[in-house]
C-alpha atoms as a PDB file:
ATOM      1  CA  MET A   1     157.299 124.659  88.701  1.00  0.00           C
ATOM      2  CA  ASN A   2     154.281 122.351  88.490  1.00  0.00           C
ATOM      3  CA  LEU A   3     154.688 118.899  88.522  1.00  0.00           C
ATOM      4  CA  VAL A   4     152.621 116.422  86.337  1.00  0.00           C
ATOM      5  CA  ILE A   5     152.414 113.082  87.611  1.00  0.00           C
ATOM      6  CA  THR A   6     152.235 110.586  84.549  1.00  0.00           C
ATOM      7  CA  SER A   7     152.503 107.451  85.788  1.00  0.00           C
ATOM      8  CA  PRO A   8     148.391 106.155  86.872  1.00  0.00           C
ATOM      9  CA  LEU A   9     150.054 104.106  89.825  1.00  0.00           C
ATOM     10  CA  ILE A  10     151.595 106.923  91.385  1.00  0.00           C
ATOM     11  CA  LEU A  11     147.928 108.893  90.620  1.00  0.00           C
ATOM     12  CA  ILE A  12     146.382 105.580  92.578  1.00  0.00           C
ATOM     13  CA  LEU A  13     148.440 105.036  95.577  1.00  0.00           C
ATOM     14  CA  LEU A  14     147.900 109.568  95.904  1.00  0.00           C
ATOM     15  CA  SER A  15     144.476 109.287  95.972  1.00  0.00           C
ATOM     16  CA  THR A  16     143.970 106.103  97.809  1.00  0.00           C
ATOM     17  CA  PRO A  17     144.076 107.846 101.589  1.00  0.00           C
ATOM     18  CA  LEU A  18     141.878 110.324 100.541  1.00  0.00           C
ATOM     19  CA  LEU A  19     139.272 107.729  99.520  1.00  0.00           C
ATOM     20  CA  ALA A  20     139.861 105.756 102.644  1.00  0.00           C
ATOM     21  CA  TYR A  21     139.319 108.181 105.299  1.00  0.00           C
ATOM     22  CA  GLY A  22     137.647 110.635 103.059  1.00  0.00           C
ATOM     23  CA  LEU A  23     133.469 110.698 102.797  1.00  0.00           C
ATOM     24  CA  THR A  24     131.248 107.936 102.352  1.00  0.00           C
ATOM     25  CA  CYS A  25     128.332 109.333 100.112  1.00  0.00           C
ATOM     26  CA  PRO A  26     125.104 107.153  99.838  1.00  0.00           C
ATOM     27  CA  ASP A  27     124.294 105.817  95.960  1.00  0.00           C
ATOM     28  CA  GLY A  28     123.398 108.175  92.955  1.00  0.00           C
ATOM     29  CA  THR A  29     125.663 110.810  94.439  1.00  0.00           C
ATOM     30  CA  TYR A  30     128.858 112.018  94.706  1.00  0.00           C
ATOM     31  CA  ILE A  31     131.251 114.002  96.866  1.00  0.00           C
ATOM     32  CA  GLY A  32     131.548 117.359  95.538  1.00  0.00           C
ATOM     33  CA  ARG A  33     131.841 120.578  97.505  1.00  0.00           C
ATOM     34  CA  ASP A  34     129.066 122.679  99.605  1.00  0.00           C
ATOM     35  CA  ASN A  35     128.770 126.638  99.458  1.00  0.00           C
ATOM     36  CA  GLY A  36     131.365 126.835 102.528  1.00  0.00           C
ATOM     37  CA  GLY A  37     133.707 125.161 100.807  1.00  0.00           C
ATOM     38  CA  GLN A  38     133.257 121.757 102.559  1.00  0.00           C
ATOM     39  CA  GLU A  39     133.413 118.591 101.190  1.00  0.00           C
ATOM     40  CA  ALA A  40     129.632 117.396 100.681  1.00  0.00           C
ATOM     41  CA  CYS A  41     127.812 114.661  98.927  1.00  0.00           C
ATOM     42  CA  ARG A  42     125.661 115.814  95.638  1.00  0.00           C
ATOM     43  CA  ASP A  43     122.870 114.174  93.869  1.00  0.00           C
ATOM     44  CA  ILE A  44     123.722 113.180  90.392  1.00  0.00           C
ATOM     45  CA  GLU A  45     120.799 114.214  88.615  1.00  0.00           C
ATOM     46  CA  THR A  46     119.544 117.403  90.562  1.00  0.00           C
ATOM     47  CA  ASN A  47     122.661 118.585  92.530  1.00  0.00           C
ATOM     48  CA  ASN A  48     121.538 118.983  95.480  1.00  0.00           C
ATOM     49  CA  ILE A  49     122.892 118.202  98.963  1.00  0.00           C
ATOM     50  CA  VAL A  50     122.818 114.678 100.657  1.00  0.00           C
ATOM     51  CA  ASP A  51     122.850 113.645 103.551  1.00  0.00           C
ATOM     52  CA  PRO A  52     124.995 110.460 104.024  1.00  0.00           C
ATOM     53  CA  LYS A  53     123.476 109.321 106.833  1.00  0.00           C
ATOM     54  CA  THR A  54     119.632 109.989 106.140  1.00  0.00           C
ATOM     55  CA  GLY A  55     120.049 110.581 102.203  1.00  0.00           C
ATOM     56  CA  MET A  56     117.901 113.434 102.592  1.00  0.00           C
ATOM     57  CA  GLN A  57     118.451 116.048  99.650  1.00  0.00           C
ATOM     58  CA  TYR A  58     118.819 119.896 100.320  1.00  0.00           C
ATOM     59  CA  ASP A  59     118.353 123.230  98.354  1.00  0.00           C
ATOM     60  CA  PRO A  60     122.344 124.095  98.126  1.00  0.00           C
ATOM     61  CA  HIS A  61     121.270 127.155  98.288  1.00  0.00           C
ATOM     62  CA  SER A  62     118.654 128.169 100.745  1.00  0.00           C
ATOM     63  CA  GLY A  63     120.020 124.865 102.666  1.00  0.00           C
ATOM     64  CA  SER A  64     115.938 124.072 103.079  1.00  0.00           C
ATOM     65  CA  PRO A  65     114.691 120.219 102.468  1.00  0.00           C
ATOM     66  CA  VAL A  66     114.071 119.018  98.936  1.00  0.00           C
ATOM     67  CA  VAL A  67     110.939 116.429  98.769  1.00  0.00           C
ATOM     68  CA  LYS A  68     110.957 114.525  95.642  1.00  0.00           C
ATOM     69  CA  GLY A  69     113.010 116.865  93.865  1.00  0.00           C
ATOM     70  CA  GLU A  70     111.021 119.598  94.932  1.00  0.00           C
ATOM     71  CA  GLU A  71     111.797 122.526  97.109  1.00  0.00           C
ATOM     72  CA  ILE A  72     110.100 123.187  99.996  1.00  0.00           C
ATOM     73  CA  ASP A  73     108.385 126.391 100.115  1.00  0.00           C
ATOM     74  CA  SER A  74     106.937 128.223 103.080  1.00  0.00           C
ATOM     75  CA  THR A  75     105.262 130.437 101.343  1.00  0.00           C
ATOM     76  CA  ARG A  76     103.854 128.304  98.283  1.00  0.00           C
ATOM     77  CA  ALA A  77     102.375 126.188 101.782  1.00  0.00           C
ATOM     78  CA  VAL A  78     100.995 129.025 103.776  1.00  0.00           C
ATOM     79  CA  ILE A  79      99.158 130.070 100.383  1.00  0.00           C
ATOM     80  CA  VAL A  80      97.397 126.948 100.180  1.00  0.00           C
ATOM     81  CA  GLY A  81      96.296 126.481 103.809  1.00  0.00           C
ATOM     82  CA  ILE A  82      94.510 130.084 103.677  1.00  0.00           C
ATOM     83  CA  VAL A  83      93.164 128.913 100.056  1.00  0.00           C
ATOM     84  CA  ILE A  84      91.546 125.726 101.284  1.00  0.00           C
ATOM     85  CA  ILE A  85      90.501 127.802 104.374  1.00  0.00           C
ATOM     86  CA  VAL A  86      88.406 130.250 102.599  1.00  0.00           C
ATOM     87  CA  ILE A  87      87.208 127.362 100.423  1.00  0.00           C
ATOM     88  CA  ILE A  88      85.633 125.860 103.256  1.00  0.00           C
ATOM     89  CA  ILE A  89      84.279 128.232 104.774  1.00  0.00           C
ATOM     90  CA  PHE A  90      82.129 129.756 101.310  1.00  0.00           C
ATOM     91  CA  VAL A  91      81.230 125.829 101.385  1.00  0.00           C
ATOM     92  CA  ILE A  92      79.552 126.305 104.570  1.00  0.00           C
ATOM     93  CA  LYS A  93      78.297 129.486 104.249  1.00  0.00           C
ATOM     94  CA  ALA A  94      76.671 127.910 101.168  1.00  0.00           C
ATOM     95  CA  LEU A  95      74.971 125.168 103.239  1.00  0.00           C
ATOM     96  CA  THR A  96      74.054 127.138 105.758  1.00  0.00           C
ATOM     97  CA  GLY A  97      72.720 130.670 104.040  1.00  0.00           C
ATOM     98  CA  GLY A  98      71.295 129.149 100.843  1.00  0.00           C
ATOM     99  CA  ARG A  99      67.856 128.339 102.226  1.00  0.00           C
ATOM    100  CA  GLN A 100      65.624 130.386 104.687  1.00  0.00           C
ATOM    101  CA  LYS A 101      65.878 129.589 108.315  1.00  0.00           C
ATOM    102  CA  THR A 102      62.589 128.295 109.443  1.00  0.00           C
ATOM    103  CA  GLU A 103      61.464 128.922 113.148  1.00  0.00           C
ATOM    104  CA  THR A 104      61.006 126.368 115.397  1.00  0.00           C
ATOM    105  CA  PRO A 105      59.877 126.079 119.188  1.00  0.00           C
ATOM    106  CA  HIS A 106      63.601 126.203 120.575  1.00  0.00           C
ATOM    107  CA  ASN A 107      64.901 129.158 118.089  1.00  0.00           C
ATOM    108  CA  ARG A 108      61.404 131.514 118.723  1.00  0.00           C
ATOM    109  CA  GLN A 109      60.615 133.505 121.805  1.00  0.00           C
ATOM    110  CA  MET A 110      57.659 132.625 123.538  1.00  0.00           C
ATOM    111  CA  THR A 111      54.637 134.360 123.821  1.00  0.00           C
ATOM    112  CA  LEU A 112      53.046 135.489 127.569  1.00  0.00           C
ATOM    113  CA  GLN A 113      50.668 133.081 126.589  1.00  0.00           C
ATOM    114  CA  GLU A 114      52.770 130.442 126.427  1.00  0.00           C
ATOM    115  CA  LYS A 115      55.044 130.807 129.081  1.00  0.00           C
ATOM    116  CA  LEU A 116      51.851 131.263 131.275  1.00  0.00           C
ATOM    117  CA  TYR A 117      51.082 127.350 130.201  1.00  0.00           C
ATOM    118  CA  GLU A 118      54.584 126.171 130.490  1.00  0.00           C
ATOM    119  CA  GLN A 119      54.636 127.449 133.947  1.00  0.00           C
ATOM    120  CA  ARG A 120      51.025 126.407 135.015  1.00  0.00           C
ATOM    121  CA  LYS A 121      52.157 122.441 133.615  1.00  0.00           C
ATOM    122  CA  ILE A 122      55.800 123.058 135.583  1.00  0.00           C
ATOM    123  CA  ALA A 123      53.479 124.182 138.976  1.00  0.00           C
ATOM    124  CA  ARG A 124      51.371 120.970 138.390  1.00  0.00           C
ATOM    125  CA  ILE A 125      54.112 118.672 138.463  1.00  0.00           C
ATOM    126  CA  LYS A 126      56.049 120.336 141.365  1.00  0.00           C
ATOM    127  CA  GLN A 127      52.612 120.229 143.123  1.00  0.00           C
ATOM    128  CA  GLY A 128      52.166 116.679 143.017  1.00  0.00           C
ATOM    129  CA  HIS A 129      49.156 117.000 140.620  1.00  0.00           C
ATOM    130  CA  LEU A 130      47.525 118.166 144.303  1.00  0.00           C
ATOM    131  CA  CYS A 131      45.688 121.981 145.235  1.00  0.00           C
ATOM    132  CA  ASP A 132      48.461 124.022 146.676  1.00  0.00           C
ATOM    133  CA  ALA A 133      46.098 125.361 149.619  1.00  0.00           C
ATOM    134  CA  CYS A 134      43.801 122.024 150.201  1.00  0.00           C
ATOM    135  CA  GLY A 135      45.903 119.112 149.443  1.00  0.00           C
ATOM    136  CA  ARG A 136      42.982 117.416 147.076  1.00  0.00           C
ATOM    137  CA  MET A 137      43.219 116.184 143.371  1.00  0.00           C
ATOM    138  CA  PRO A 138      41.552 119.295 141.606  1.00  0.00           C
ATOM    139  CA  ASN A 139      38.584 118.564 138.918  1.00  0.00           C
ATOM    140  CA  GLN A 140      39.332 122.042 137.746  1.00  0.00           C
ATOM    141  CA  TRP A 141      42.837 123.928 138.359  1.00  0.00           C
ATOM    142  CA  LYS A 142      42.757 127.565 139.283  1.00  0.00           C
ATOM    143  CA  PHE A 143      46.286 129.342 139.091  1.00  0.00           C
ATOM    144  CA  LYS A 144      47.740 131.977 140.923  1.00  0.00           C
ATOM    145  CA  THR A 145      50.542 133.631 138.634  1.00  0.00           C
ATOM    146  CA  GLU A 146      52.836 136.639 139.679  1.00  0.00           C
ATOM    147  CA  ILE A 147      54.690 137.831 137.465  1.00  0.00           C
ATOM    148  CA  ASN A 148      58.548 140.008 138.101  1.00  0.00           C
ATOM    149  CA  ILE A 149      58.014 142.699 135.206  1.00  0.00           C
ATOM    150  CA  GLU A 150      61.563 143.747 135.734  1.00  0.00           C
ATOM    151  CA  THR A 151      63.220 140.255 135.685  1.00  0.00           C
ATOM    152  CA  GLY A 152      60.714 138.564 133.535  1.00  0.00           C
ATOM    153  CA  LYS A 153      60.171 135.064 136.125  1.00  0.00           C
ATOM    154  CA  ILE A 154      56.869 133.565 136.448  1.00  0.00           C
ATOM    155  CA  ILE A 155      56.277 132.300 139.733  1.00  0.00           C
ATOM    156  CA  CYS A 156      52.823 130.169 139.489  1.00  0.00           C
ATOM    157  CA  ASN A 157      50.982 127.907 142.268  1.00  0.00           C
ATOM    158  CA  GLY A 158      47.449 125.835 141.243  1.00  0.00           C
ATOM    159  CA  PHE A 159      44.599 125.752 143.069  1.00  0.00           C
ATOM    160  CA  CYS A 160      41.432 123.803 143.081  1.00  0.00           C
ATOM    161  CA  SER A 161      38.128 125.930 142.409  1.00  0.00           C
ATOM    162  CA  ASP A 162      37.220 126.030 146.085  1.00  0.00           C
ATOM    163  CA  CYS A 163      40.327 127.808 147.034  1.00  0.00           C
ATOM    164  CA  LEU A 164      40.611 130.372 144.535  1.00  0.00           C
ATOM    165  CA  PRO A 165      37.428 130.881 142.527  1.00  0.00           C
ATOM    166  CA  ASP A 166      38.969 132.929 139.767  1.00  0.00           C
ATOM    167  CA  ASP A 167      42.483 132.821 137.773  1.00  0.00           C
ATOM    168  CA  PHE A 168      44.384 135.544 139.635  1.00  0.00           C
ATOM    169  CA  LEU A 169      46.962 137.242 137.502  1.00  0.00           C
ATOM    170  CA  CYS A 170      49.312 139.990 140.020  1.00  0.00           C
ATOM    171  CA  TYR A 171      52.012 141.912 137.985  1.00  0.00           C
ATOM    172  CA  SER A 172      55.021 143.003 140.490  1.00  0.00           C
ATOM    173  CA  LYS A 173      58.319 144.657 140.347  1.00  0.00           C
END
């Protein structure tokens, strides 16, 4: 037995309580049903589900947020991120690898002669520019240098020509 309502007044009266206590949707949306059969606000243009409190749209199938009508795809975001990182790596390699590295005093090994020269300068400064034996300022420096072969450490002491007649170089283990 089907009941047919013919009077528009009865139809309005029957639907009024549902509207008074039902879901209130933001502008540009209508009351529809979600995939679970529950009442939900849906966007008029895209048919996406809209949160009535925040106005945020969600895809009806996946439930993921939708930004400006386009679904956020995590796979696409990961691929874009990887592509950007690869491009950055290629740019850095192109900028640094394209030119020949020039030798500077900081990136090459010092020769033994250069190391001895540096150690002699350090010895003079440590000793206050005075002879290590007599304490006078030498007119001509002579050095006693010991080189440890295993560690490569150089010990150097500076003397005047009266205290040490010739430079003295000694290798030890």
